[in-house]
Amino acid sequence: MGLRRKARELALQALYQAELNGVGPLDNFPLLCDNFQVDPQVIPQAEQLLQGIVSHAEELDRLIGQYARNWRVGRMSVIDRNLIRLGAYEMLHREEVPATVAINEAIEIAKRYSTDDAPSFINGILDAIRNGQGQ
């Protein structure tokens, strides 16, 4: 598994932990890295992802809510919601990451961490965001 995938998974784990603990994803990030002996090469990229997601949180949730038909953001599973945030952030704010790569990565990570239905659910929302944003 490549370093970018590992960074995305680490960012997802930090987002998940933050929601369960009610703290910001960057607040306990160093502790998460220390407790799980994270590859030091992955930390800077995961931290950049977290900073970007946090700084664009309102925009991301607004877009997700807009394109997630019949789903409120708060009613989605924690994993799915944060994978969609991660994918949407990369599509919209990381020019070096093609939209298709951002979507594919979110889908592949969902296969590992979420339910059997999650990949198609996440794909549908991210694809709608991509098409709605003209990318």
Protein backbone atom coordinates (compact mmCIF):
# COMPACT_ATOMS: atom_id res chain seq x y z
CA MET A 1 0.00 0.00 0.00
CA GLY A 2 1.36 3.41 -0.98
CA LEU A 3 2.11 6.30 1.32
CA ARG A 4 -0.78 8.40 -0.02
CA ARG A 5 -3.28 5.65 0.76
CA LYS A 6 -1.79 5.25 4.23
CA ALA A 7 -2.07 9.00 4.77
CA ARG A 8 -5.73 8.95 3.71
CA GLU A 9 -6.45 6.06 6.05
CA LEU A 10 -4.69 7.82 8.91
CA ALA A 11 -6.68 10.99 8.22
CA LEU A 12 -9.89 8.92 8.24
CA GLN A 13 -8.92 7.36 11.56
CA ALA A 14 -8.26 10.80 13.05
CA LEU A 15 -11.60 12.10 11.75
CA TYR A 16 -13.38 9.06 13.16
CA GLN A 17 -11.69 9.42 16.54
CA ALA A 18 -12.50 13.12 16.64
CA GLU A 19 -16.19 12.52 16.09
CA LEU A 20 -16.35 9.82 18.75
CA ASN A 21 -14.43 11.92 21.27
CA GLY A 22 -16.00 15.26 20.41
CA VAL A 23 -12.68 16.99 19.75
CA GLY A 24 -11.07 18.50 16.69
CA PRO A 25 -9.29 16.00 14.41
CA LEU A 26 -5.95 17.74 14.86
CA ASP A 27 -6.20 17.93 18.67
CA ASN A 28 -5.42 14.27 19.34
CA PHE A 29 -3.58 13.57 16.10
CA PRO A 30 -0.10 13.38 17.71
CA LEU A 31 -1.41 10.98 20.36
CA LEU A 32 -3.07 8.83 17.68
CA CYS A 33 0.22 8.65 15.77
CA ASP A 34 2.20 7.78 18.90
CA ASN A 35 -0.20 5.10 20.14
CA PHE A 36 -0.41 3.30 16.83
CA GLN A 37 3.23 3.65 15.77
CA VAL A 38 2.39 5.36 12.50
CA ASP A 39 4.97 5.50 9.72
CA PRO A 40 6.58 8.95 10.13
CA GLN A 41 6.57 9.48 6.35
CA VAL A 42 2.76 9.42 6.36
CA ILE A 43 2.17 11.96 9.12
CA PRO A 44 2.77 15.23 7.20
CA GLN A 45 0.42 14.31 4.36
CA ALA A 46 -2.29 13.06 6.72
CA GLU A 47 -1.97 16.27 8.72
CA GLN A 48 -2.34 18.35 5.53
CA LEU A 49 -5.49 16.44 4.66
CA LEU A 50 -6.90 17.02 8.13
CA GLN A 51 -6.08 20.73 8.06
CA GLY A 52 -7.76 21.08 4.67
CA ILE A 53 -10.87 19.16 5.70
CA VAL A 54 -11.18 21.18 8.91
CA SER A 55 -10.72 24.52 7.14
CA HIS A 56 -13.32 23.64 4.48
CA ALA A 57 -15.70 21.70 6.75
CA GLU A 58 -18.74 23.94 6.23
CA GLU A 59 -18.33 23.97 2.45
CA LEU A 60 -17.82 20.20 2.31
CA ASP A 61 -20.84 19.42 4.46
CA ARG A 62 -22.99 21.85 2.48
CA LEU A 63 -22.01 20.15 -0.79
CA ILE A 64 -22.48 16.68 0.63
CA GLY A 65 -25.92 17.64 1.89
CA GLN A 66 -26.77 19.16 -1.48
CA TYR A 67 -25.80 16.06 -3.49
CA ALA A 68 -26.76 13.30 -1.05
CA ARG A 69 -30.34 12.75 -2.08
CA ASN A 70 -32.59 11.64 0.78
CA TRP A 71 -29.66 11.64 3.24
CA ARG A 72 -28.73 14.22 5.84
CA VAL A 73 -25.02 14.46 6.53
CA GLY A 74 -25.53 13.84 10.24
CA ARG A 75 -27.43 10.61 9.57
CA MET A 76 -24.66 9.01 7.52
CA SER A 77 -22.32 6.56 9.21
CA VAL A 78 -19.24 8.22 10.69
CA ILE A 79 -16.91 6.34 8.33
CA ASP A 80 -18.93 7.07 5.19
CA ARG A 81 -19.43 10.74 6.04
CA ASN A 82 -15.72 11.24 6.63
CA LEU A 83 -14.68 9.34 3.53
CA ILE A 84 -16.99 11.56 1.49
CA ARG A 85 -15.49 14.65 3.16
CA LEU A 86 -12.00 13.37 2.38
CA GLY A 87 -12.81 12.59 -1.24
CA ALA A 88 -14.65 15.86 -1.78
CA TYR A 89 -11.82 17.85 -0.22
CA GLU A 90 -9.25 16.21 -2.48
CA MET A 91 -11.38 16.72 -5.60
CA LEU A 92 -12.05 20.37 -4.89
CA HIS A 93 -8.88 21.59 -3.21
CA ARG A 94 -5.97 19.35 -4.15
CA GLU A 95 -5.16 20.14 -7.77
CA GLU A 96 -2.50 17.43 -7.92
CA VAL A 97 -5.16 14.77 -7.22
CA PRO A 98 -7.42 14.02 -10.20
CA ALA A 99 -11.09 13.71 -9.28
CA THR A 100 -11.18 10.10 -10.47
CA VAL A 101 -8.29 9.24 -8.13
CA ALA A 102 -9.97 10.96 -5.16
CA ILE A 103 -13.19 9.04 -5.80
CA ASN A 104 -11.42 5.72 -6.36
CA GLU A 105 -9.37 6.09 -3.20
CA ALA A 106 -12.47 6.83 -1.12
CA ILE A 107 -14.16 3.76 -2.60
CA GLU A 108 -11.18 1.49 -1.95
CA ILE A 109 -10.85 2.68 1.64
CA ALA A 110 -14.61 2.17 2.12
CA LYS A 111 -14.19 -1.45 1.02
CA ARG A 112 -11.78 -1.92 3.88
CA TYR A 113 -13.46 0.09 6.65
CA SER A 114 -17.18 0.25 5.92
CA THR A 115 -20.14 -1.87 4.85
CA ASP A 116 -20.71 -3.64 1.55
CA ASP A 117 -23.10 -0.88 0.45
CA ALA A 118 -20.71 1.96 1.27
CA PRO A 119 -18.59 1.98 -1.91
CA SER A 120 -21.56 2.58 -4.21
CA PHE A 121 -23.07 5.11 -1.77
CA ILE A 122 -19.81 7.07 -1.54
CA ASN A 123 -19.22 6.82 -5.28
CA GLY A 124 -22.68 8.19 -6.02
CA ILE A 125 -22.27 11.26 -3.83
CA LEU A 126 -18.70 12.05 -4.87
CA ASP A 127 -19.56 11.60 -8.55
CA ALA A 128 -22.54 13.93 -8.15
CA ILE A 129 -20.31 16.53 -6.48
CA ARG A 130 -17.74 16.19 -9.26
CA ASN A 131 -20.37 16.57 -11.98
CA GLY A 132 -22.10 19.40 -10.15
CA GLN A 133 -18.85 21.29 -9.76
CA GLY A 134 -17.92 20.91 -13.43
CA GLN A 135 -14.78 18.85 -12.87
